[in-house]
């Protein structure tokens, strides 16, 4: 913006400094100074040292923050199976999440999950540290809102807008790809028989890709366990599993039960990387694109 000050030459000859003419001229000159002061205040409020103690806030901080802002990340941030931006996280300290660790880093902003680390958050609050909590998004819409909020907190709204634009583009691509194709029923099963219900981010992404979440028939809203008999009765067209390399222990026994095979369930399996499914941040565009691509391929089988 270009500002012009009034020409003050000669004003003093006609009037004294308290006159309306001179006050008006000064007022024109003072406006840009006020605006510059406001801009400086905004920059001063931007956090210089940010610590994240949650896997999903790790991803948002890595995607939207400046490298110089990141003072520390959560303990799972470097796990390639769980963290979508694990390669970037390797450049920063990894914390177990204790309040003592965080306080040593002298952060001016701490990012945390809404359902974990309550004791740590309480200690940090007690020490005057600013803590912002983020709950797991239940839909693409809430994921977009949390991205925008994080970008604002970090003073990088343009990066948030770019990520949201990528999500919107992936949604548009998926909607266009599914035109003329009937919906496919799918059931997302996690370890220990937990089912992703209709009020989850994965279900929202499934819907965009043309997958009808079969959990609706079970009355599952968020995440809940379902008995084997109920799953067999549903007979979903596709079973969605988290592709995490684990041994076949009791937690995965249900997924390999012979009853499912006899019922024809599991013939069409879609495996999703855990790093893409867990958080609604920079991995969301990839998750949406993978879902509709996999669905399109299975529709041709």
Protein backbone atom coordinates (compact mmCIF):
# COMPACT_ATOMS: atom_id res chain seq x y z
CA UNK A 1 0.00 0.00 0.00
CA UNK A 2 1.22 3.52 -0.85
CA UNK A 3 0.37 6.36 1.50
CA UNK A 4 0.83 10.10 0.85
CA UNK A 5 1.14 12.73 3.55
CA UNK A 6 -0.23 16.21 3.08
CA UNK A 7 2.29 18.92 2.22
CA UNK A 8 2.82 20.80 5.51
CA UNK A 9 4.87 23.63 3.98
CA UNK A 10 3.33 26.98 4.66
CA UNK A 11 0.65 25.70 7.02
CA UNK A 12 2.41 27.22 10.01
CA UNK A 13 2.23 30.65 8.35
CA UNK A 14 -1.57 30.55 8.24
CA UNK A 15 -2.44 28.78 11.46
CA UNK A 16 -1.00 27.52 14.69
CA UNK A 17 -0.26 23.83 15.51
CA UNK A 18 -3.58 23.39 17.30
CA UNK A 19 -5.69 24.37 14.30
CA UNK A 20 -7.92 22.00 12.36
CA UNK A 21 -5.83 22.36 9.20
CA UNK A 22 -2.63 21.10 10.82
CA UNK A 23 -4.36 18.39 12.83
CA UNK A 24 -5.91 17.13 9.61
CA UNK A 25 -2.57 17.07 7.85
CA UNK A 26 -0.94 15.21 10.73
CA UNK A 27 -3.82 12.75 10.78
CA UNK A 28 -3.10 11.73 7.20
CA UNK A 29 0.51 11.06 8.13
CA UNK A 30 -0.31 9.16 11.31
CA UNK A 31 -2.56 6.54 9.60
CA UNK A 32 0.27 4.47 8.05
CA UNK A 33 2.17 4.53 11.35
CA UNK A 34 -0.86 3.05 13.12
CA UNK A 35 -1.24 0.36 10.49
CA UNK A 36 2.42 -0.53 10.71
CA UNK A 37 2.16 -0.80 14.48
CA UNK A 38 -0.81 -3.16 14.12
CA UNK A 39 1.07 -5.32 11.63
CA UNK A 40 4.06 -5.46 13.97
CA UNK A 41 1.78 -6.57 16.81
CA UNK A 42 0.41 -9.42 14.68
CA UNK A 43 3.93 -10.60 13.80
CA UNK A 44 4.94 -10.37 17.45
CA UNK A 45 2.09 -12.73 18.42
CA UNK A 46 3.25 -15.44 16.02
CA UNK A 47 4.74 -18.33 18.02
CA UNK A 48 8.50 -18.63 17.65
CA UNK A 49 8.89 -21.96 19.48
CA UNK A 50 6.15 -24.54 19.00
CA UNK A 51 6.04 -28.01 20.54
CA UNK A 52 3.60 -30.75 19.50
CA UNK A 53 2.87 -33.73 21.78
CA UNK A 54 0.29 -35.48 19.60
CA UNK A 55 0.74 -37.47 16.38
CA UNK A 56 -1.91 -35.55 14.46
CA UNK A 57 -0.80 -32.11 15.59
CA UNK A 58 2.73 -33.24 14.62
CA UNK A 59 1.52 -33.66 11.04
CA UNK A 60 -0.19 -30.27 10.93
CA UNK A 61 2.80 -28.50 12.45
CA UNK A 62 5.20 -30.15 10.01
CA UNK A 63 2.97 -29.31 7.04
CA UNK A 64 2.05 -25.74 7.94
CA UNK A 65 4.76 -24.37 10.21
CA UNK A 66 8.16 -22.95 9.39
CA UNK A 67 11.12 -25.22 10.24
CA UNK A 68 12.44 -22.57 12.61
CA UNK A 69 9.18 -22.61 14.59
CA UNK A 70 9.31 -26.32 15.42
CA UNK A 71 11.00 -26.94 18.79
CA UNK A 72 9.86 -30.53 19.36
CA UNK A 73 7.47 -33.26 18.22
CA UNK A 74 5.66 -36.24 19.72
CA UNK A 75 7.21 -39.68 20.19
CA UNK A 76 5.43 -41.24 17.20
CA UNK A 77 6.34 -38.48 14.75
CA UNK A 78 9.27 -40.47 13.31
CA UNK A 79 7.43 -43.80 12.99
CA UNK A 80 7.09 -44.32 9.26
CA UNK A 81 4.13 -46.71 9.65
CA UNK A 82 2.13 -44.13 11.63
CA UNK A 83 3.47 -40.70 10.71
CA UNK A 84 2.73 -39.41 7.21
CA UNK A 85 5.59 -36.89 7.43
CA UNK A 86 8.04 -39.12 9.30
CA UNK A 87 10.95 -38.13 7.04
CA UNK A 88 10.54 -34.46 7.96
CA UNK A 89 10.09 -35.25 11.65
CA UNK A 90 13.57 -36.78 11.79
CA UNK A 91 15.00 -33.25 11.78
CA UNK A 92 13.49 -32.34 15.16
CA UNK A 93 13.66 -33.53 18.79
CA UNK A 94 11.30 -36.39 19.61
CA UNK A 95 9.55 -36.12 23.00
CA UNK A 96 7.85 -38.69 25.19
CA UNK A 97 5.31 -36.02 26.07
CA UNK A 98 6.09 -35.28 29.71
CA UNK A 99 5.58 -31.75 30.98
CA UNK A 100 9.19 -31.59 32.19
CA UNK A 101 10.52 -32.29 28.68
CA UNK A 102 8.26 -29.67 27.14
CA UNK A 103 9.06 -26.98 29.71
CA UNK A 104 12.80 -27.40 29.09
CA UNK A 105 12.24 -26.36 25.47
CA UNK A 106 10.67 -23.06 26.59
CA UNK A 107 7.83 -23.08 24.03
CA UNK A 108 5.40 -20.22 23.56
CA UNK A 109 2.82 -22.62 22.09
CA UNK A 110 2.13 -26.30 22.73
CA UNK A 111 -0.14 -28.36 20.46
CA UNK A 112 -1.92 -31.36 21.97
CA UNK A 113 -4.67 -33.88 21.33
CA UNK A 114 -7.99 -33.31 23.08
CA UNK A 115 -8.24 -36.87 24.39
CA UNK A 116 -4.70 -37.56 25.60
CA UNK A 117 -1.97 -36.04 27.75
CA UNK A 118 -4.42 -34.45 30.19
CA UNK A 119 -1.91 -34.46 33.07
CA UNK A 120 0.77 -32.89 30.88
CA UNK A 121 -1.60 -30.21 29.67
CA UNK A 122 -2.63 -29.39 33.24
CA UNK A 123 0.99 -28.91 34.33
CA UNK A 124 1.76 -26.76 31.29
CA UNK A 125 -1.30 -24.59 31.94
CA UNK A 126 -0.19 -24.25 35.55
CA UNK A 127 3.18 -22.95 34.36
CA UNK A 128 1.60 -20.34 32.14
CA UNK A 129 2.28 -22.12 28.85
CA UNK A 130 -0.25 -21.64 26.08
CA UNK A 131 -1.74 -24.98 25.04
CA UNK A 132 -4.06 -25.49 22.07
CA UNK A 133 -5.91 -28.81 21.80
CA UNK A 134 -7.18 -30.50 18.65
CA UNK A 135 -9.81 -33.25 18.58
CA UNK A 136 -9.79 -35.94 15.86
CA UNK A 137 -11.87 -34.58 12.95
CA UNK A 138 -15.12 -36.47 12.32
CA UNK A 139 -15.50 -35.41 8.70
CA UNK A 140 -13.70 -33.76 5.81
CA UNK A 141 -15.44 -30.51 6.73
CA UNK A 142 -14.12 -30.54 10.30
CA UNK A 143 -10.66 -31.51 9.03
CA UNK A 144 -10.67 -28.42 6.83
CA UNK A 145 -11.66 -26.25 9.81
CA UNK A 146 -8.86 -27.65 11.99
CA UNK A 147 -6.31 -27.07 9.23
CA UNK A 148 -7.44 -23.47 8.91
CA UNK A 149 -7.27 -23.03 12.69
CA UNK A 150 -3.76 -24.48 12.89
CA UNK A 151 -2.52 -22.33 10.00
CA UNK A 152 -3.88 -19.23 11.76
CA UNK A 153 -2.21 -20.19 15.05
CA UNK A 154 1.13 -20.61 13.28
CA UNK A 155 0.74 -17.38 11.33
CA UNK A 156 0.74 -19.25 7.99
CA UNK A 157 -2.83 -18.91 6.64
CA UNK A 158 -1.66 -19.21 3.03
CA UNK A 159 -0.28 -22.71 3.70
CA UNK A 160 -3.53 -23.76 5.27
CA UNK A 161 -5.42 -22.43 2.26
CA UNK A 162 -3.14 -24.39 -0.10
CA UNK A 163 -3.70 -27.67 1.79
CA UNK A 164 -7.45 -27.10 1.91
CA UNK A 165 -7.44 -26.42 -1.84
CA UNK A 166 -5.68 -29.76 -2.40
CA UNK A 167 -8.32 -31.53 -0.29
CA UNK A 168 -11.11 -29.85 -2.25
CA UNK A 169 -9.44 -30.84 -5.50
CA UNK A 170 -9.23 -34.48 -4.37
CA UNK A 171 -12.92 -34.40 -3.42
CA UNK A 172 -13.87 -32.98 -6.82
CA UNK A 173 -11.82 -35.65 -8.60
CA UNK A 174 -13.47 -38.41 -6.56
CA UNK A 175 -16.98 -37.11 -7.16
CA UNK A 176 -16.32 -36.88 -10.90
CA UNK A 177 -14.81 -40.39 -10.99
CA UNK A 178 -17.80 -42.05 -9.30
CA UNK A 179 -20.44 -40.57 -11.62
CA UNK A 180 -22.58 -43.24 -13.21
CA UNK A 181 -21.36 -45.90 -10.82
CA UNK A 182 -23.54 -47.45 -8.16
CA UNK A 183 -22.38 -47.21 -4.56
CA UNK A 184 -20.34 -50.06 -3.12
CA UNK A 185 -20.91 -51.12 0.49
CA UNK A 186 -17.79 -51.25 2.63
CA UNK A 187 -16.92 -51.99 6.22
CA UNK A 188 -13.76 -50.55 7.80
CA UNK A 189 -12.48 -53.00 10.41
CA UNK A 190 -9.66 -52.20 12.82
CA UNK A 191 -7.73 -54.41 15.20
CA UNK A 192 -9.79 -56.16 17.91
CA UNK A 193 -12.90 -55.92 15.76
CA UNK A 194 -13.47 -52.18 16.07
CA UNK A 195 -15.58 -50.64 13.30
CA UNK A 196 -15.33 -47.09 11.91
CA UNK A 197 -18.82 -45.63 12.11
CA UNK A 198 -20.56 -42.98 10.09
CA UNK A 199 -19.24 -40.04 12.16
CA UNK A 200 -15.57 -40.60 11.40
CA UNK A 201 -13.17 -39.00 8.95
CA UNK A 202 -12.63 -42.31 7.18
CA UNK A 203 -16.38 -42.71 6.66
CA UNK A 204 -16.55 -39.18 5.22
CA UNK A 205 -13.73 -39.98 2.79
CA UNK A 206 -15.39 -43.31 1.90
CA UNK A 207 -18.63 -41.54 1.04
CA UNK A 208 -16.84 -39.09 -1.26
CA UNK A 209 -15.18 -42.01 -3.05
CA UNK A 210 -18.49 -43.80 -3.60
CA UNK A 211 -18.34 -46.27 -0.72
CA UNK A 212 -21.43 -46.65 1.46
CA UNK A 213 -20.39 -47.34 5.05
CA UNK A 214 -22.09 -50.60 6.02
CA UNK A 215 -21.66 -49.75 9.70
CA UNK A 216 -24.83 -47.65 9.49
CA UNK A 217 -26.82 -50.88 9.72
CA UNK A 218 -25.07 -51.62 13.02
CA UNK A 219 -25.96 -48.24 14.47
CA UNK A 220 -22.31 -47.34 15.03
CA UNK A 221 -21.75 -43.59 15.06
CA UNK A 222 -18.09 -43.24 15.99
CA UNK A 223 -15.90 -46.30 16.66
CA UNK A 224 -17.23 -49.41 18.36
CA UNK A 225 -16.78 -53.15 18.35
CA UNK A 226 -19.06 -55.41 16.35
CA UNK A 227 -19.61 -59.14 16.92
CA UNK A 228 -18.51 -61.57 14.22
CA UNK A 229 -22.10 -62.64 13.57
CA UNK A 230 -23.14 -59.06 12.79
CA UNK A 231 -20.28 -58.61 10.33
CA UNK A 232 -21.16 -61.85 8.55
CA UNK A 233 -24.79 -60.79 8.31
CA UNK A 234 -23.86 -57.46 6.72
CA UNK A 235 -21.89 -59.06 3.86
CA UNK A 236 -20.20 -55.84 2.70
CA UNK A 237 -18.89 -55.68 -0.86
CA UNK A 238 -15.48 -54.49 0.35
CA UNK A 239 -13.62 -54.85 3.63
CA UNK A 240 -11.25 -51.99 4.48
CA UNK A 241 -8.30 -52.83 6.70
CA UNK A 242 -5.45 -50.80 8.11
CA UNK A 243 -2.24 -52.00 6.48
CA UNK A 244 -0.01 -52.07 9.54
CA UNK A 245 2.62 -54.82 9.70
CA UNK A 246 1.70 -56.70 12.88
CA UNK A 247 1.84 -60.31 13.98
CA UNK A 248 -1.27 -62.44 14.08
CA UNK A 249 -2.08 -62.08 17.76
CA UNK A 250 -5.42 -62.01 19.53
CA UNK A 251 -6.06 -58.45 18.36
CA UNK A 252 -6.12 -59.54 14.70
CA UNK A 253 -7.72 -62.95 15.15
CA UNK A 254 -11.15 -61.76 14.01
CA UNK A 255 -9.78 -60.57 10.69
CA UNK A 256 -8.60 -64.10 9.87
CA UNK A 257 -11.60 -66.04 11.16
CA UNK A 258 -12.63 -68.84 8.75
CA UNK A 259 -16.29 -67.86 9.09
CA UNK A 260 -15.56 -64.64 7.20
CA UNK A 261 -13.93 -66.56 4.37
CA UNK A 262 -16.85 -69.02 4.13
CA UNK A 263 -19.28 -66.10 3.94
CA UNK A 264 -17.27 -64.59 1.09
CA UNK A 265 -16.26 -61.62 3.24
CA UNK A 266 -12.71 -60.51 2.64
CA UNK A 267 -12.60 -61.59 -1.00
CA UNK A 268 -12.40 -57.90 -1.88
CA UNK A 269 -10.07 -56.27 0.62
CA UNK A 270 -8.83 -52.71 0.47
CA UNK A 271 -5.76 -52.07 2.63
CA UNK A 272 -5.01 -48.52 3.66
CA UNK A 273 -1.70 -47.31 5.13
CA UNK A 274 -2.21 -46.34 8.76
CA UNK A 275 -0.23 -43.13 8.20
CA UNK A 276 -2.90 -41.98 5.73
CA UNK A 277 -5.90 -42.97 7.85
CA UNK A 278 -4.99 -41.81 11.35
CA UNK A 279 -5.00 -38.02 10.98
CA UNK A 280 -6.94 -35.48 8.97
CA UNK A 281 -4.05 -33.30 7.88
CA UNK A 282 -1.63 -33.42 4.95
CA UNK A 283 -2.44 -37.12 4.35
CA UNK A 284 -6.13 -36.45 3.64
CA UNK A 285 -5.82 -35.62 -0.10
CA UNK A 286 -3.81 -38.84 -0.62
CA UNK A 287 -6.37 -40.90 1.35
CA UNK A 288 -9.27 -39.60 -0.74
CA UNK A 289 -7.42 -40.22 -4.00
CA UNK A 290 -6.36 -43.71 -2.94
CA UNK A 291 -9.92 -44.64 -1.97
CA UNK A 292 -11.56 -43.65 -5.23
CA UNK A 293 -8.68 -45.11 -7.26
CA UNK A 294 -8.95 -48.45 -5.44
CA UNK A 295 -12.72 -48.47 -5.73
CA UNK A 296 -12.51 -47.77 -9.45
CA UNK A 297 -10.05 -50.65 -9.92
CA UNK A 298 -12.18 -53.07 -7.92
CA UNK A 299 -15.26 -52.03 -9.86
CA UNK A 300 -13.48 -53.24 -13.00
CA UNK A 301 -12.53 -56.61 -11.46
